[in-house]
Every structure is written in structure tokens, then in C-alpha cells.
Amino acid sequence: MNRNVGSWDRAIRIVAGVVLIALTLMGTIGAWGWIGLIPLATGLIGRCPVYKMLGLSTGSMNRSEA
């Protein structure tokens, strides 16, 4: 399974997801903060289904794929 999310993209997704979930747990934002589970999951897994549908990738290509 090829990853389509690069290292910087993954880091940003993980941080954003954790921040949204933390704000929800602290009561700062409402239940919409649970949407942070999506960027957290895609950051941890390294795959984004929306990127795949759009044919995008922020990950590096292997030389065999070029």
C-alpha cells in the first residue's frame, strides 16, 4: 500500500488533529472538534482517500515508479 501523504503533511495533520481533539475535551470548542480524528488518522496512517480520488500526493515517489 503506497503512502500519498508526505512527512511534513503528516506532521501538520497529526498536530492539527491532536489540537482539535484537545480543544474539544477541554470544552473550548463543541463537538465539531471531533472532526480532528480524520486528520489524525490520515496522518498516522500516511494515506488520504481524498488525495487518492484527486490524484494528488505529497509523498516522495520511489525511483521504480518514475
C-alpha atoms as a PDB file:
ATOM      1  CA  MET A   1       0.000   0.000   0.000  1.00  0.00           C
ATOM      2  CA  ASN A   2       1.595   3.252  -1.164  1.00  0.00           C
ATOM      3  CA  ARG A   3       1.521   6.305   1.053  1.00  0.00           C
ATOM      4  CA  ASN A   4       0.316   9.506  -0.543  1.00  0.00           C
ATOM      5  CA  VAL A   5       0.930  11.857   2.406  1.00  0.00           C
ATOM      6  CA  GLY A   6       4.443  13.281   2.819  1.00  0.00           C
ATOM      7  CA  SER A   7       6.294  13.757   6.087  1.00  0.00           C
ATOM      8  CA  TRP A   8       5.512  17.493   6.522  1.00  0.00           C
ATOM      9  CA  ASP A   9       1.895  16.918   5.556  1.00  0.00           C
ATOM     10  CA  ARG A  10       1.670  14.062   8.064  1.00  0.00           C
ATOM     11  CA  ALA A  11       3.157  16.173  10.866  1.00  0.00           C
ATOM     12  CA  ILE A  12       0.721  19.020  10.212  1.00  0.00           C
ATOM     13  CA  ARG A  13      -2.240  16.625  10.118  1.00  0.00           C
ATOM     14  CA  ILE A  14      -1.237  14.950  13.391  1.00  0.00           C
ATOM     15  CA  VAL A  15      -0.713  18.254  15.211  1.00  0.00           C
ATOM     16  CA  ALA A  16      -3.984  19.706  13.882  1.00  0.00           C
ATOM     17  CA  GLY A  17      -5.908  16.567  14.846  1.00  0.00           C
ATOM     18  CA  VAL A  18      -4.483  16.473  18.365  1.00  0.00           C
ATOM     19  CA  VAL A  19      -5.170  20.192  18.877  1.00  0.00           C
ATOM     20  CA  LEU A  20      -8.792  19.879  17.725  1.00  0.00           C
ATOM     21  CA  ILE A  21      -9.415  16.847  19.941  1.00  0.00           C
ATOM     22  CA  ALA A  22      -7.733  18.522  22.939  1.00  0.00           C
ATOM     23  CA  LEU A  23      -9.841  21.671  22.481  1.00  0.00           C
ATOM     24  CA  THR A  24     -12.965  19.514  22.376  1.00  0.00           C
ATOM     25  CA  LEU A  25     -12.015  17.652  25.551  1.00  0.00           C
ATOM     26  CA  MET A  26     -11.290  20.955  27.333  1.00  0.00           C
ATOM     27  CA  GLY A  27     -14.709  22.277  26.327  1.00  0.00           C
ATOM     28  CA  THR A  28     -13.278  25.168  24.318  1.00  0.00           C
ATOM     29  CA  ILE A  29     -14.981  24.126  21.096  1.00  0.00           C
ATOM     30  CA  GLY A  30     -18.050  21.999  20.628  1.00  0.00           C
ATOM     31  CA  ALA A  31     -18.488  18.507  19.307  1.00  0.00           C
ATOM     32  CA  TRP A  32     -17.230  19.632  15.892  1.00  0.00           C
ATOM     33  CA  GLY A  33     -13.723  19.267  17.288  1.00  0.00           C
ATOM     34  CA  TRP A  34     -14.037  15.501  16.963  1.00  0.00           C
ATOM     35  CA  ILE A  35     -13.508  16.089  13.246  1.00  0.00           C
ATOM     36  CA  GLY A  36      -9.852  16.156  14.319  1.00  0.00           C
ATOM     37  CA  LEU A  37      -9.952  12.364  14.274  1.00  0.00           C
ATOM     38  CA  ILE A  38      -9.829  12.481  10.470  1.00  0.00           C
ATOM     39  CA  PRO A  39      -6.560  14.389  10.053  1.00  0.00           C
ATOM     40  CA  LEU A  40      -5.091  12.480  12.991  1.00  0.00           C
ATOM     41  CA  ALA A  41      -5.920   9.116  11.398  1.00  0.00           C
ATOM     42  CA  THR A  42      -4.746  10.084   7.912  1.00  0.00           C
ATOM     43  CA  GLY A  43      -1.541  11.494   9.384  1.00  0.00           C
ATOM     44  CA  LEU A  44      -0.809   8.365  11.383  1.00  0.00           C
ATOM     45  CA  ILE A  45      -1.652   6.007   8.509  1.00  0.00           C
ATOM     46  CA  GLY A  46       0.011   8.103   5.816  1.00  0.00           C
ATOM     47  CA  ARG A  47      -2.833   7.720   3.324  1.00  0.00           C
ATOM     48  CA  CYS A  48      -5.542  10.189   2.393  1.00  0.00           C
ATOM     49  CA  PRO A  49      -8.549   8.910   0.412  1.00  0.00           C
ATOM     50  CA  VAL A  50      -9.348  12.417  -0.877  1.00  0.00           C
ATOM     51  CA  TYR A  51      -5.803  12.765  -2.245  1.00  0.00           C
ATOM     52  CA  LYS A  52      -6.253   9.413  -3.997  1.00  0.00           C
ATOM     53  CA  MET A  53      -9.568  10.469  -5.569  1.00  0.00           C
ATOM     54  CA  LEU A  54      -7.988  13.707  -6.814  1.00  0.00           C
ATOM     55  CA  GLY A  55      -4.774  12.013  -7.949  1.00  0.00           C
ATOM     56  CA  LEU A  56      -2.647  14.057  -5.549  1.00  0.00           C
ATOM     57  CA  SER A  57       0.338  13.018  -3.481  1.00  0.00           C
ATOM     58  CA  THR A  58       2.669  14.899  -1.158  1.00  0.00           C
ATOM     59  CA  GLY A  59       4.819  11.832  -0.578  1.00  0.00           C
ATOM     60  CA  SER A  60       8.012  11.148  -2.484  1.00  0.00           C
ATOM     61  CA  MET A  61       7.940   8.723  -5.372  1.00  0.00           C
ATOM     62  CA  ASN A  62      10.113   5.635  -5.474  1.00  0.00           C
ATOM     63  CA  ARG A  63      12.616   5.553  -8.329  1.00  0.00           C
ATOM     64  CA  SER A  64      10.924   2.391  -9.682  1.00  0.00           C
ATOM     65  CA  GLU A  65       7.651   4.334 -10.051  1.00  0.00           C
ATOM     66  CA  ALA A  66       9.199   7.175 -12.084  1.00  0.00           C
END
